[in-house]
Amino acid sequence: TAKAVLGWHRTHRFCSVCGQQSVVAQAGWQRVCPSCGAQHFPRTDP
């Protein structure tokens, strides 16, 4: 769990909607864009 979520933070620092740098939220389980408000969650690839 730790390796996957921390790895996601390292590679998903910028908002995929507007390109601005996002910030950590929800104790590390979310990133939020302060510019457009988009919420981003750790990804799991099936």
PDB file of all heavy atoms in Angstrom:
ATOM      1  N   THR A   1       0.826  -1.202   0.000  1.00  0.00           N
ATOM      2  CA  THR A   1       0.000   0.000   0.000  1.00  0.00           C
ATOM      3  C   THR A   1       0.862   1.254   0.000  1.00  0.00           C
ATOM      4  O   THR A   1       0.652   2.179  -0.795  1.00  0.00           O
ATOM      5  CB  THR A   1      -0.932  -0.001   1.229  1.00  0.00           C
ATOM      6  OG1 THR A   1      -1.737  -1.175   1.211  1.00  0.00           O
ATOM      7  CG2 THR A   1      -1.829   1.220   1.231  1.00  0.00           C
ATOM      8  N   ALA A   2       1.854   1.297   0.881  1.00  0.00           N
ATOM      9  CA  ALA A   2       2.727   2.463   0.984  1.00  0.00           C
ATOM     10  C   ALA A   2       3.477   2.719  -0.314  1.00  0.00           C
ATOM     11  O   ALA A   2       3.542   3.849  -0.810  1.00  0.00           O
ATOM     12  CB  ALA A   2       3.715   2.261   2.132  1.00  0.00           C
ATOM     13  N   LYS A   3       4.040   1.678  -0.871  1.00  0.00           N
ATOM     14  CA  LYS A   3       4.835   1.823  -2.096  1.00  0.00           C
ATOM     15  C   LYS A   3       3.974   2.329  -3.259  1.00  0.00           C
ATOM     16  O   LYS A   3       4.385   3.209  -4.022  1.00  0.00           O
ATOM     17  CB  LYS A   3       5.474   0.479  -2.447  1.00  0.00           C
ATOM     18  CG  LYS A   3       6.273   0.458  -3.741  1.00  0.00           C
ATOM     19  CD  LYS A   3       6.954  -0.883  -3.921  1.00  0.00           C
ATOM     20  CE  LYS A   3       7.494  -1.075  -5.334  1.00  0.00           C
ATOM     21  NZ  LYS A   3       8.485  -0.043  -5.705  1.00  0.00           N
ATOM     22  N   ALA A   4       2.763   1.783  -3.388  1.00  0.00           N
ATOM     23  CA  ALA A   4       1.899   2.173  -4.503  1.00  0.00           C
ATOM     24  C   ALA A   4       1.412   3.610  -4.365  1.00  0.00           C
ATOM     25  O   ALA A   4       1.450   4.391  -5.328  1.00  0.00           O
ATOM     26  CB  ALA A   4       0.717   1.213  -4.596  1.00  0.00           C
ATOM     27  N   VAL A   5       0.946   3.993  -3.179  1.00  0.00           N
ATOM     28  CA  VAL A   5       0.384   5.342  -3.018  1.00  0.00           C
ATOM     29  C   VAL A   5       1.481   6.404  -3.084  1.00  0.00           C
ATOM     30  O   VAL A   5       1.306   7.447  -3.733  1.00  0.00           O
ATOM     31  CB  VAL A   5      -0.409   5.444  -1.702  1.00  0.00           C
ATOM     32  CG1 VAL A   5      -0.967   6.858  -1.529  1.00  0.00           C
ATOM     33  CG2 VAL A   5      -1.554   4.447  -1.691  1.00  0.00           C
ATOM     34  N   LEU A   6       2.612   6.176  -2.448  1.00  0.00           N
ATOM     35  CA  LEU A   6       3.696   7.150  -2.521  1.00  0.00           C
ATOM     36  C   LEU A   6       4.243   7.244  -3.948  1.00  0.00           C
ATOM     37  O   LEU A   6       4.611   8.333  -4.405  1.00  0.00           O
ATOM     38  CB  LEU A   6       4.812   6.781  -1.542  1.00  0.00           C
ATOM     39  CG  LEU A   6       4.462   6.959  -0.060  1.00  0.00           C
ATOM     40  CD1 LEU A   6       5.591   6.445   0.828  1.00  0.00           C
ATOM     41  CD2 LEU A   6       4.159   8.422   0.262  1.00  0.00           C
ATOM     42  N   GLY A   7       4.280   6.135  -4.656  1.00  0.00           N
ATOM     43  CA  GLY A   7       4.703   6.170  -6.053  1.00  0.00           C
ATOM     44  C   GLY A   7       3.758   6.996  -6.901  1.00  0.00           C
ATOM     45  O   GLY A   7       4.175   7.732  -7.813  1.00  0.00           O
ATOM     46  N   TRP A   8       2.454   6.910  -6.614  1.00  0.00           N
ATOM     47  CA  TRP A   8       1.462   7.712  -7.336  1.00  0.00           C
ATOM     48  C   TRP A   8       1.691   9.196  -7.084  1.00  0.00           C
ATOM     49  O   TRP A   8       1.632  10.013  -8.014  1.00  0.00           O
ATOM     50  CB  TRP A   8       0.056   7.303  -6.897  1.00  0.00           C
ATOM     51  CG  TRP A   8      -1.029   8.197  -7.410  1.00  0.00           C
ATOM     52  CD1 TRP A   8      -1.515   8.252  -8.688  1.00  0.00           C
ATOM     53  CD2 TRP A   8      -1.765   9.171  -6.652  1.00  0.00           C
ATOM     54  NE1 TRP A   8      -2.514   9.198  -8.779  1.00  0.00           N
ATOM     55  CE2 TRP A   8      -2.686   9.779  -7.540  1.00  0.00           C
ATOM     56  CE3 TRP A   8      -1.740   9.573  -5.326  1.00  0.00           C
ATOM     57  CZ2 TRP A   8      -3.575  10.781  -7.134  1.00  0.00           C
ATOM     58  CZ3 TRP A   8      -2.616  10.569  -4.911  1.00  0.00           C
ATOM     59  CH2 TRP A   8      -3.515  11.160  -5.806  1.00  0.00           C
ATOM     60  N   HIS A   9       1.987   9.573  -5.857  1.00  0.00           N
ATOM     61  CA  HIS A   9       2.240  10.988  -5.565  1.00  0.00           C
ATOM     62  C   HIS A   9       3.446  11.506  -6.350  1.00  0.00           C
ATOM     63  O   HIS A   9       3.422  12.639  -6.847  1.00  0.00           O
ATOM     64  CB  HIS A   9       2.486  11.188  -4.063  1.00  0.00           C
ATOM     65  CG  HIS A   9       1.236  11.224  -3.244  1.00  0.00           C
ATOM     66  ND1 HIS A   9       0.297  12.221  -3.370  1.00  0.00           N
ATOM     67  CD2 HIS A   9       0.762  10.379  -2.285  1.00  0.00           C
ATOM     68  CE1 HIS A   9      -0.702  12.012  -2.520  1.00  0.00           C
ATOM     69  NE2 HIS A   9      -0.444  10.890  -1.859  1.00  0.00           N
ATOM     70  N   ARG A  10       4.488  10.689  -6.477  1.00  0.00           N
ATOM     71  CA  ARG A  10       5.689  11.143  -7.185  1.00  0.00           C
ATOM     72  C   ARG A  10       5.425  11.403  -8.655  1.00  0.00           C
ATOM     73  O   ARG A  10       6.072  12.257  -9.273  1.00  0.00           O
ATOM     74  CB  ARG A  10       6.809  10.096  -7.043  1.00  0.00           C
ATOM     75  CG  ARG A  10       7.438  10.033  -5.665  1.00  0.00           C
ATOM     76  CD  ARG A  10       8.790   9.320  -5.719  1.00  0.00           C
ATOM     77  NE  ARG A  10       8.688   8.011  -6.339  1.00  0.00           N
ATOM     78  CZ  ARG A  10       8.357   6.895  -5.692  1.00  0.00           C
ATOM     79  NH1 ARG A  10       8.066   6.945  -4.405  1.00  0.00           N
ATOM     80  NH2 ARG A  10       8.302   5.742  -6.317  1.00  0.00           N
ATOM     81  N   THR A  11       4.488  10.694  -9.247  1.00  0.00           N
ATOM     82  CA  THR A  11       4.280  10.790 -10.698  1.00  0.00           C
ATOM     83  C   THR A  11       3.000  11.529 -11.093  1.00  0.00           C
ATOM     84  O   THR A  11       2.725  11.664 -12.284  1.00  0.00           O
ATOM     85  CB  THR A  11       4.243   9.388 -11.322  1.00  0.00           C
ATOM     86  OG1 THR A  11       3.208   8.612 -10.683  1.00  0.00           O
ATOM     87  CG2 THR A  11       5.580   8.680 -11.142  1.00  0.00           C
ATOM     88  N   HIS A  12       2.244  12.016 -10.105  1.00  0.00           N
ATOM     89  CA  HIS A  12       0.983  12.696 -10.411  1.00  0.00           C
ATOM     90  C   HIS A  12       0.857  13.997  -9.621  1.00  0.00           C
ATOM     91  O   HIS A  12      -0.150  14.255  -8.974  1.00  0.00           O
ATOM     92  CB  HIS A  12      -0.211  11.768 -10.118  1.00  0.00           C
ATOM     93  CG  HIS A  12      -0.330  10.627 -11.059  1.00  0.00           C
ATOM     94  ND1 HIS A  12       0.502   9.528 -10.994  1.00  0.00           N
ATOM     95  CD2 HIS A  12      -1.162  10.416 -12.104  1.00  0.00           C
ATOM     96  CE1 HIS A  12       0.183   8.684 -11.965  1.00  0.00           C
ATOM     97  NE2 HIS A  12      -0.817   9.194 -12.634  1.00  0.00           N
ATOM     98  N   ARG A  13       1.878  14.819  -9.714  1.00  0.00           N
ATOM     99  CA  ARG A  13       1.897  16.066  -8.945  1.00  0.00           C
ATOM    100  C   ARG A  13       1.093  17.180  -9.599  1.00  0.00           C
ATOM    101  O   ARG A  13       0.783  18.186  -8.950  1.00  0.00           O
ATOM    102  CB  ARG A  13       3.340  16.532  -8.733  1.00  0.00           C
ATOM    103  CG  ARG A  13       4.160  15.570  -7.903  1.00  0.00           C
ATOM    104  CD  ARG A  13       5.518  16.140  -7.556  1.00  0.00           C
ATOM    105  NE  ARG A  13       6.266  15.220  -6.714  1.00  0.00           N
ATOM    106  CZ  ARG A  13       6.119  15.112  -5.407  1.00  0.00           C
ATOM    107  NH1 ARG A  13       5.226  15.874  -4.797  1.00  0.00           N
ATOM    108  NH2 ARG A  13       6.831  14.251  -4.705  1.00  0.00           N
ATOM    109  N   PHE A  14       0.762  17.023 -10.859  1.00  0.00           N
ATOM    110  CA  PHE A  14       0.095  18.107 -11.579  1.00  0.00           C
ATOM    111  C   PHE A  14      -1.297  17.685 -12.029  1.00  0.00           C
ATOM    112  O   PHE A  14      -1.530  16.525 -12.384  1.00  0.00           O
ATOM    113  CB  PHE A  14       0.941  18.545 -12.780  1.00  0.00           C
ATOM    114  CG  PHE A  14       2.248  19.150 -12.371  1.00  0.00           C
ATOM    115  CD1 PHE A  14       3.374  18.358 -12.195  1.00  0.00           C
ATOM    116  CD2 PHE A  14       2.359  20.516 -12.141  1.00  0.00           C
ATOM    117  CE1 PHE A  14       4.582  18.904 -11.794  1.00  0.00           C
ATOM    118  CE2 PHE A  14       3.562  21.077 -11.739  1.00  0.00           C
ATOM    119  CZ  PHE A  14       4.677  20.273 -11.567  1.00  0.00           C
ATOM    120  N   CYS A  15      -2.203  18.638 -11.980  1.00  0.00           N
ATOM    121  CA  CYS A  15      -3.602  18.396 -12.318  1.00  0.00           C
ATOM    122  C   CYS A  15      -3.734  18.003 -13.782  1.00  0.00           C
ATOM    123  O   CYS A  15      -3.225  18.699 -14.667  1.00  0.00           O
ATOM    124  CB  CYS A  15      -4.415  19.652 -12.015  1.00  0.00           C
ATOM    125  SG  CYS A  15      -6.159  19.536 -12.467  1.00  0.00           S
ATOM    126  N   SER A  16      -4.423  16.911 -14.046  1.00  0.00           N
ATOM    127  CA  SER A  16      -4.616  16.458 -15.425  1.00  0.00           C
ATOM    128  C   SER A  16      -5.702  17.249 -16.145  1.00  0.00           C
ATOM    129  O   SER A  16      -5.890  17.080 -17.348  1.00  0.00           O
ATOM    130  CB  SER A  16      -4.979  14.973 -15.438  1.00  0.00           C
ATOM    131  OG  SER A  16      -6.166  14.741 -14.707  1.00  0.00           O
ATOM    132  N   VAL A  17      -6.411  18.119 -15.423  1.00  0.00           N
ATOM    133  CA  VAL A  17      -7.455  18.945 -16.036  1.00  0.00           C
ATOM    134  C   VAL A  17      -6.898  20.274 -16.521  1.00  0.00           C
ATOM    135  O   VAL A  17      -7.095  20.663 -17.678  1.00  0.00           O
ATOM    136  CB  VAL A  17      -8.614  19.187 -15.044  1.00  0.00           C
ATOM    137  CG1 VAL A  17      -9.673  20.101 -15.663  1.00  0.00           C
ATOM    138  CG2 VAL A  17      -9.236  17.870 -14.617  1.00  0.00           C
ATOM    139  N   CYS A  18      -6.144  20.983 -15.626  1.00  0.00           N
ATOM    140  CA  CYS A  18      -5.662  22.324 -15.994  1.00  0.00           C
ATOM    141  C   CYS A  18      -4.147  22.454 -15.987  1.00  0.00           C
ATOM    142  O   CYS A  18      -3.610  23.467 -16.427  1.00  0.00           O
ATOM    143  CB  CYS A  18      -6.279  23.369 -15.070  1.00  0.00           C
ATOM    144  SG  CYS A  18      -5.628  23.344 -13.376  1.00  0.00           S
ATOM    145  N   GLY A  19      -3.433  21.459 -15.473  1.00  0.00           N
ATOM    146  CA  GLY A  19      -1.980  21.477 -15.512  1.00  0.00           C
ATOM    147  C   GLY A  19      -1.295  22.121 -14.332  1.00  0.00           C
ATOM    148  O   GLY A  19      -0.062  22.110 -14.246  1.00  0.00           O
ATOM    149  N   GLN A  20      -2.055  22.680 -13.385  1.00  0.00           N
ATOM    150  CA  GLN A  20      -1.451  23.301 -12.219  1.00  0.00           C
ATOM    151  C   GLN A  20      -1.016  22.239 -11.211  1.00  0.00           C
ATOM    152  O   GLN A  20      -1.547  21.127 -11.188  1.00  0.00           O
ATOM    153  CB  GLN A  20      -2.447  24.263 -11.563  1.00  0.00           C
ATOM    154  CG  GLN A  20      -2.828  25.448 -12.438  1.00  0.00           C
ATOM    155  CD  GLN A  20      -1.635  26.319 -12.772  1.00  0.00           C
ATOM    156  OE1 GLN A  20      -0.880  26.735 -11.893  1.00  0.00           O
ATOM    157  NE2 GLN A  20      -1.445  26.593 -14.056  1.00  0.00           N
ATOM    158  N   GLN A  21      -0.062  22.598 -10.352  1.00  0.00           N
ATOM    159  CA  GLN A  21       0.386  21.646  -9.350  1.00  0.00           C
ATOM    160  C   GLN A  21      -0.713  21.440  -8.313  1.00  0.00           C
ATOM    161  O   GLN A  21      -1.289  22.392  -7.796  1.00  0.00           O
ATOM    162  CB  GLN A  21       1.665  22.129  -8.668  1.00  0.00           C
ATOM    163  CG  GLN A  21       2.223  21.108  -7.681  1.00  0.00           C
ATOM    164  CD  GLN A  21       3.667  21.352  -7.338  1.00  0.00           C
ATOM    165  OE1 GLN A  21       4.340  22.113  -7.994  1.00  0.00           O
ATOM    166  NE2 GLN A  21       4.165  20.704  -6.295  1.00  0.00           N
ATOM    167  N   SER A  22      -0.980  20.172  -8.002  1.00  0.00           N
ATOM    168  CA  SER A  22      -2.014  19.831  -7.028  1.00  0.00           C
ATOM    169  C   SER A  22      -1.395  19.695  -5.644  1.00  0.00           C
ATOM    170  O   SER A  22      -0.170  19.669  -5.475  1.00  0.00           O
ATOM    171  CB  SER A  22      -2.724  18.534  -7.432  1.00  0.00           C
ATOM    172  OG  SER A  22      -1.789  17.470  -7.545  1.00  0.00           O
ATOM    173  N   VAL A  23      -2.269  19.600  -4.628  1.00  0.00           N
ATOM    174  CA  VAL A  23      -1.802  19.476  -3.252  1.00  0.00           C
ATOM    175  C   VAL A  23      -2.389  18.208  -2.636  1.00  0.00           C
ATOM    176  O   VAL A  23      -3.444  17.724  -3.051  1.00  0.00           O
ATOM    177  CB  VAL A  23      -2.184  20.706  -2.410  1.00  0.00           C
ATOM    178  CG1 VAL A  23      -1.504  21.941  -2.936  1.00  0.00           C
ATOM    179  CG2 VAL A  23      -3.696  20.897  -2.384  1.00  0.00           C
ATOM    180  N   VAL A  24      -1.713  17.680  -1.627  1.00  0.00           N
ATOM    181  CA  VAL A  24      -2.137  16.453  -0.966  1.00  0.00           C
ATOM    182  C   VAL A  24      -3.341  16.731  -0.069  1.00  0.00           C
ATOM    183  O   VAL A  24      -3.402  17.757   0.619  1.00  0.00           O
ATOM    184  CB  VAL A  24      -0.990  15.859  -0.142  1.00  0.00           C
ATOM    185  CG1 VAL A  24      -1.439  14.609   0.603  1.00  0.00           C
ATOM    186  CG2 VAL A  24       0.190  15.542  -1.049  1.00  0.00           C
ATOM    187  N   ALA A  25      -4.291  15.805  -0.072  1.00  0.00           N
ATOM    188  CA  ALA A  25      -5.471  15.906   0.783  1.00  0.00           C
ATOM    189  C   ALA A  25      -5.826  14.517   1.295  1.00  0.00           C
ATOM    190  O   ALA A  25      -5.258  13.516   0.864  1.00  0.00           O
ATOM    191  CB  ALA A  25      -6.636  16.516   0.010  1.00  0.00           C
ATOM    192  N   GLN A  26      -6.772  14.463   2.227  1.00  0.00           N
ATOM    193  CA  GLN A  26      -7.299  13.204   2.743  1.00  0.00           C
ATOM    194  C   GLN A  26      -6.191  12.251   3.201  1.00  0.00           C
ATOM    195  O   GLN A  26      -6.172  11.068   2.862  1.00  0.00           O
ATOM    196  CB  GLN A  26      -8.183  12.533   1.696  1.00  0.00           C
ATOM    197  CG  GLN A  26      -9.499  13.245   1.420  1.00  0.00           C
ATOM    198  CD  GLN A  26     -10.470  13.117   2.581  1.00  0.00           C
ATOM    199  OE1 GLN A  26     -10.654  12.034   3.133  1.00  0.00           O
ATOM    200  NE2 GLN A  26     -11.096  14.224   2.956  1.00  0.00           N
ATOM    201  N   ALA A  27      -5.250  12.815   3.972  1.00  0.00           N
ATOM    202  CA  ALA A  27      -4.179  12.015   4.591  1.00  0.00           C
ATOM    203  C   ALA A  27      -3.358  11.246   3.566  1.00  0.00           C
ATOM    204  O   ALA A  27      -2.848  10.163   3.848  1.00  0.00           O
ATOM    205  CB  ALA A  27      -4.762  11.058   5.631  1.00  0.00           C
ATOM    206  N   GLY A  28      -3.217  11.835   2.366  1.00  0.00           N
ATOM    207  CA  GLY A  28      -2.403  11.210   1.334  1.00  0.00           C
ATOM    208  C   GLY A  28      -3.181  10.382   0.342  1.00  0.00           C
ATOM    209  O   GLY A  28      -2.600   9.863  -0.614  1.00  0.00           O
ATOM    210  N   TRP A  29      -4.497  10.273   0.512  1.00  0.00           N
ATOM    211  CA  TRP A  29      -5.313   9.441  -0.363  1.00  0.00           C
ATOM    212  C   TRP A  29      -6.028  10.242  -1.448  1.00  0.00           C
ATOM    213  O   TRP A  29      -6.927   9.717  -2.118  1.00  0.00           O
ATOM    214  CB  TRP A  29      -6.315   8.644   0.466  1.00  0.00           C
ATOM    215  CG  TRP A  29      -5.632   7.569   1.252  1.00  0.00           C
ATOM    216  CD1 TRP A  29      -5.120   7.666   2.503  1.00  0.00           C
ATOM    217  CD2 TRP A  29      -5.338   6.247   0.802  1.00  0.00           C
ATOM    218  NE1 TRP A  29      -4.530   6.484   2.876  1.00  0.00           N
ATOM    219  CE2 TRP A  29      -4.651   5.584   1.847  1.00  0.00           C
ATOM    220  CE3 TRP A  29      -5.601   5.551  -0.378  1.00  0.00           C
ATOM    221  CZ2 TRP A  29      -4.217   4.270   1.746  1.00  0.00           C
ATOM    222  CZ3 TRP A  29      -5.168   4.243  -0.483  1.00  0.00           C
ATOM    223  CH2 TRP A  29      -4.481   3.617   0.569  1.00  0.00           C
ATOM    224  N   GLN A  30      -5.606  11.469  -1.624  1.00  0.00           N
ATOM    225  CA  GLN A  30      -6.221  12.314  -2.646  1.00  0.00           C
ATOM    226  C   GLN A  30      -5.277  13.465  -2.948  1.00  0.00           C
ATOM    227  O   GLN A  30      -4.446  13.841  -2.117  1.00  0.00           O
ATOM    228  CB  GLN A  30      -7.570  12.850  -2.122  1.00  0.00           C
ATOM    229  CG  GLN A  30      -8.433  13.551  -3.156  1.00  0.00           C
ATOM    230  CD  GLN A  30      -9.741  14.047  -2.562  1.00  0.00           C
ATOM    231  OE1 GLN A  30     -10.132  15.204  -2.709  1.00  0.00           O
ATOM    232  NE2 GLN A  30     -10.427  13.162  -1.841  1.00  0.00           N
ATOM    233  N   ARG A  31      -5.386  14.024  -4.150  1.00  0.00           N
ATOM    234  CA  ARG A  31      -4.740  15.274  -4.498  1.00  0.00           C
ATOM    235  C   ARG A  31      -5.826  16.202  -5.039  1.00  0.00           C
ATOM    236  O   ARG A  31      -6.717  15.760  -5.774  1.00  0.00           O
ATOM    237  CB  ARG A  31      -3.622  15.085  -5.534  1.00  0.00           C
ATOM    238  CG  ARG A  31      -2.450  14.256  -5.043  1.00  0.00           C
ATOM    239  CD  ARG A  31      -1.294  14.248  -6.033  1.00  0.00           C
ATOM    240  NE  ARG A  31      -0.589  15.504  -6.051  1.00  0.00           N
ATOM    241  CZ  ARG A  31       0.500  15.781  -5.322  1.00  0.00           C
ATOM    242  NH1 ARG A  31       0.997  14.861  -4.502  1.00  0.00           N
ATOM    243  NH2 ARG A  31       1.076  16.953  -5.410  1.00  0.00           N
ATOM    244  N   VAL A  32      -5.744  17.458  -4.660  1.00  0.00           N
ATOM    245  CA  VAL A  32      -6.745  18.439  -5.066  1.00  0.00           C
ATOM    246  C   VAL A  32      -6.048  19.585  -5.774  1.00  0.00           C
ATOM    247  O   VAL A  32      -4.989  20.059  -5.326  1.00  0.00           O
ATOM    248  CB  VAL A  32      -7.531  18.964  -3.844  1.00  0.00           C
ATOM    249  CG1 VAL A  32      -8.502  20.062  -4.263  1.00  0.00           C
ATOM    250  CG2 VAL A  32      -8.283  17.830  -3.168  1.00  0.00           C
ATOM    251  N   CYS A  33      -6.627  20.030  -6.857  1.00  0.00           N
ATOM    252  CA  CYS A  33      -6.057  21.150  -7.605  1.00  0.00           C
ATOM    253  C   CYS A  33      -6.572  22.458  -7.007  1.00  0.00           C
ATOM    254  O   CYS A  33      -7.784  22.702  -7.014  1.00  0.00           O
ATOM    255  CB  CYS A  33      -6.427  21.052  -9.078  1.00  0.00           C
ATOM    256  SG  CYS A  33      -5.797  22.461 -10.049  1.00  0.00           S
ATOM    257  N   PRO A  34      -5.691  23.333  -6.514  1.00  0.00           N
ATOM    258  CA  PRO A  34      -6.154  24.597  -5.944  1.00  0.00           C
ATOM    259  C   PRO A  34      -6.639  25.584  -6.997  1.00  0.00           C
ATOM    260  O   PRO A  34      -7.290  26.571  -6.660  1.00  0.00           O
ATOM    261  CB  PRO A  34      -4.910  25.131  -5.221  1.00  0.00           C
ATOM    262  CG  PRO A  34      -3.758  24.509  -5.937  1.00  0.00           C
ATOM    263  CD  PRO A  34      -4.232  23.164  -6.396  1.00  0.00           C
ATOM    264  N   SER A  35      -6.327  25.305  -8.265  1.00  0.00           N
ATOM    265  CA  SER A  35      -6.721  26.214  -9.330  1.00  0.00           C
ATOM    266  C   SER A  35      -8.131  25.938  -9.843  1.00  0.00           C
ATOM    267  O   SER A  35      -8.977  26.825  -9.883  1.00  0.00           O
ATOM    268  CB  SER A  35      -5.725  26.122 -10.495  1.00  0.00           C
ATOM    269  OG  SER A  35      -6.110  26.983 -11.552  1.00  0.00           O
ATOM    270  N   CYS A  36      -8.413  24.668 -10.201  1.00  0.00           N
ATOM    271  CA  CYS A  36      -9.721  24.347 -10.786  1.00  0.00           C
ATOM    272  C   CYS A  36     -10.593  23.492  -9.879  1.00  0.00           C
ATOM    273  O   CYS A  36     -11.751  23.222 -10.197  1.00  0.00           O
ATOM    274  CB  CYS A  36      -9.556  23.676 -12.144  1.00  0.00           C
ATOM    275  SG  CYS A  36      -8.921  21.984 -12.061  1.00  0.00           S
ATOM    276  N   GLY A  37     -10.038  23.035  -8.761  1.00  0.00           N
ATOM    277  CA  GLY A  37     -10.821  22.263  -7.817  1.00  0.00           C
ATOM    278  C   GLY A  37     -10.946  20.784  -8.137  1.00  0.00           C
ATOM    279  O   GLY A  37     -11.630  20.053  -7.409  1.00  0.00           O
ATOM    280  N   ALA A  38     -10.301  20.303  -9.184  1.00  0.00           N
ATOM    281  CA  ALA A  38     -10.402  18.890  -9.553  1.00  0.00           C
ATOM    282  C   ALA A  38      -9.790  18.015  -8.473  1.00  0.00           C
ATOM    283  O   ALA A  38      -8.781  18.375  -7.853  1.00  0.00           O
ATOM    284  CB  ALA A  38      -9.707  18.639 -10.883  1.00  0.00           C
ATOM    285  N   GLN A  39     -10.421  16.862  -8.241  1.00  0.00           N
ATOM    286  CA  GLN A  39      -9.937  15.897  -7.269  1.00  0.00           C
ATOM    287  C   GLN A  39      -9.324  14.704  -7.999  1.00  0.00           C
ATOM    288  O   GLN A  39      -9.887  14.213  -8.976  1.00  0.00           O
ATOM    289  CB  GLN A  39     -11.078  15.430  -6.369  1.00  0.00           C
ATOM    290  CG  GLN A  39     -11.711  16.541  -5.560  1.00  0.00           C
ATOM    291  CD  GLN A  39     -12.895  16.065  -4.748  1.00  0.00           C
ATOM    292  OE1 GLN A  39     -13.501  15.038  -5.064  1.00  0.00           O
ATOM    293  NE2 GLN A  39     -13.232  16.782  -3.691  1.00  0.00           N
ATOM    294  N   HIS A  40      -8.192  14.248  -7.510  1.00  0.00           N
ATOM    295  CA  HIS A  40      -7.494  13.125  -8.132  1.00  0.00           C
ATOM    296  C   HIS A  40      -7.219  12.061  -7.073  1.00  0.00           C
ATOM    297  O   HIS A  40      -6.876  12.386  -5.930  1.00  0.00           O
ATOM    298  CB  HIS A  40      -6.190  13.589  -8.773  1.00  0.00           C
ATOM    299  CG  HIS A  40      -6.371  14.727  -9.733  1.00  0.00           C
ATOM    300  ND1 HIS A  40      -6.824  14.545 -11.017  1.00  0.00           N
ATOM    301  CD2 HIS A  40      -6.199  16.070  -9.568  1.00  0.00           C
ATOM    302  CE1 HIS A  40      -6.896  15.725 -11.624  1.00  0.00           C
ATOM    303  NE2 HIS A  40      -6.523  16.658 -10.773  1.00  0.00           N
ATOM    304  N   PHE A  41      -7.349  10.795  -7.461  1.00  0.00           N
ATOM    305  CA  PHE A  41      -7.236   9.681  -6.530  1.00  0.00           C
ATOM    306  C   PHE A  41      -6.175   8.697  -7.004  1.00  0.00           C
ATOM    307  O   PHE A  41      -5.929   8.559  -8.210  1.00  0.00           O
ATOM    308  CB  PHE A  41      -8.584   8.970  -6.396  1.00  0.00           C
ATOM    309  CG  PHE A  41      -9.690   9.868  -5.908  1.00  0.00           C
ATOM    310  CD1 PHE A  41     -10.447  10.612  -6.795  1.00  0.00           C
ATOM    311  CD2 PHE A  41      -9.948   9.982  -4.547  1.00  0.00           C
ATOM    312  CE1 PHE A  41     -11.454  11.452  -6.345  1.00  0.00           C
ATOM    313  CE2 PHE A  41     -10.955  10.816  -4.085  1.00  0.00           C
ATOM    314  CZ  PHE A  41     -11.710  11.559  -4.982  1.00  0.00           C
ATOM    315  N   PRO A  42      -5.538   7.977  -6.060  1.00  0.00           N
ATOM    316  CA  PRO A  42      -4.520   6.985  -6.461  1.00  0.00           C
ATOM    317  C   PRO A  42      -5.071   6.008  -7.486  1.00  0.00           C
ATOM    318  O   PRO A  42      -6.193   5.512  -7.354  1.00  0.00           O
ATOM    319  CB  PRO A  42      -4.186   6.275  -5.142  1.00  0.00           C
ATOM    320  CG  PRO A  42      -4.518   7.274  -4.081  1.00  0.00           C
ATOM    321  CD  PRO A  42      -5.708   8.026  -4.599  1.00  0.00           C
ATOM    322  N   ARG A  43      -4.295   5.741  -8.493  1.00  0.00           N
ATOM    323  CA  ARG A  43      -4.756   4.874  -9.572  1.00  0.00           C
ATOM    324  C   ARG A  43      -4.318   3.433  -9.334  1.00  0.00           C
ATOM    325  O   ARG A  43      -3.282   3.162  -8.726  1.00  0.00           O
ATOM    326  CB  ARG A  43      -4.244   5.353 -10.932  1.00  0.00           C
ATOM    327  CG  ARG A  43      -2.722   5.333 -11.084  1.00  0.00           C
ATOM    328  CD  ARG A  43      -2.318   5.792 -12.471  1.00  0.00           C
ATOM    329  NE  ARG A  43      -2.743   4.846 -13.491  1.00  0.00           N
ATOM    330  CZ  ARG A  43      -2.713   5.122 -14.798  1.00  0.00           C
ATOM    331  NH1 ARG A  43      -2.298   6.308 -15.224  1.00  0.00           N
ATOM    332  NH2 ARG A  43      -3.089   4.214 -15.672  1.00  0.00           N
ATOM    333  N   THR A  44      -5.151   2.534  -9.815  1.00  0.00           N
ATOM    334  CA  THR A  44      -4.825   1.112  -9.837  1.00  0.00           C
ATOM    335  C   THR A  44      -5.104   0.604 -11.230  1.00  0.00           C
ATOM    336  O   THR A  44      -6.207   0.780 -11.750  1.00  0.00           O
ATOM    337  CB  THR A  44      -5.677   0.329  -8.815  1.00  0.00           C
ATOM    338  OG1 THR A  44      -5.352   0.768  -7.490  1.00  0.00           O
ATOM    339  CG2 THR A  44      -5.386  -1.159  -8.914  1.00  0.00           C
ATOM    340  N   ASP A  45      -4.115   0.006 -11.869  1.00  0.00           N
ATOM    341  CA  ASP A  45      -4.255  -0.476 -13.244  1.00  0.00           C
ATOM    342  C   ASP A  45      -4.577  -1.961 -13.239  1.00  0.00           C
ATOM    343  O   ASP A  45      -3.760  -2.768 -12.788  1.00  0.00           O
ATOM    344  CB  ASP A  45      -2.958  -0.229 -14.023  1.00  0.00           C
ATOM    345  CG  ASP A  45      -2.573   1.239 -14.049  1.00  0.00           C
ATOM    346  OD1 ASP A  45      -3.460   2.066 -14.308  1.00  0.00           O
ATOM    347  OD2 ASP A  45      -1.392   1.559 -13.795  1.00  0.00           O
ATOM    348  N   PRO A  46      -5.754  -2.358 -13.735  1.00  0.00           N
ATOM    349  CA  PRO A  46      -6.107  -3.788 -13.739  1.00  0.00           C
ATOM    350  C   PRO A  46      -5.348  -4.555 -14.820  1.00  0.00           C
ATOM    351  O   PRO A  46      -5.284  -4.132 -15.978  1.00  0.00           O
ATOM    352  CB  PRO A  46      -7.608  -3.787 -14.016  1.00  0.00           C
ATOM    353  CG  PRO A  46      -7.860  -2.502 -14.746  1.00  0.00           C
ATOM    354  CD  PRO A  46      -6.856  -1.522 -14.245  1.00  0.00           C
TER     355      PRO A  46
END
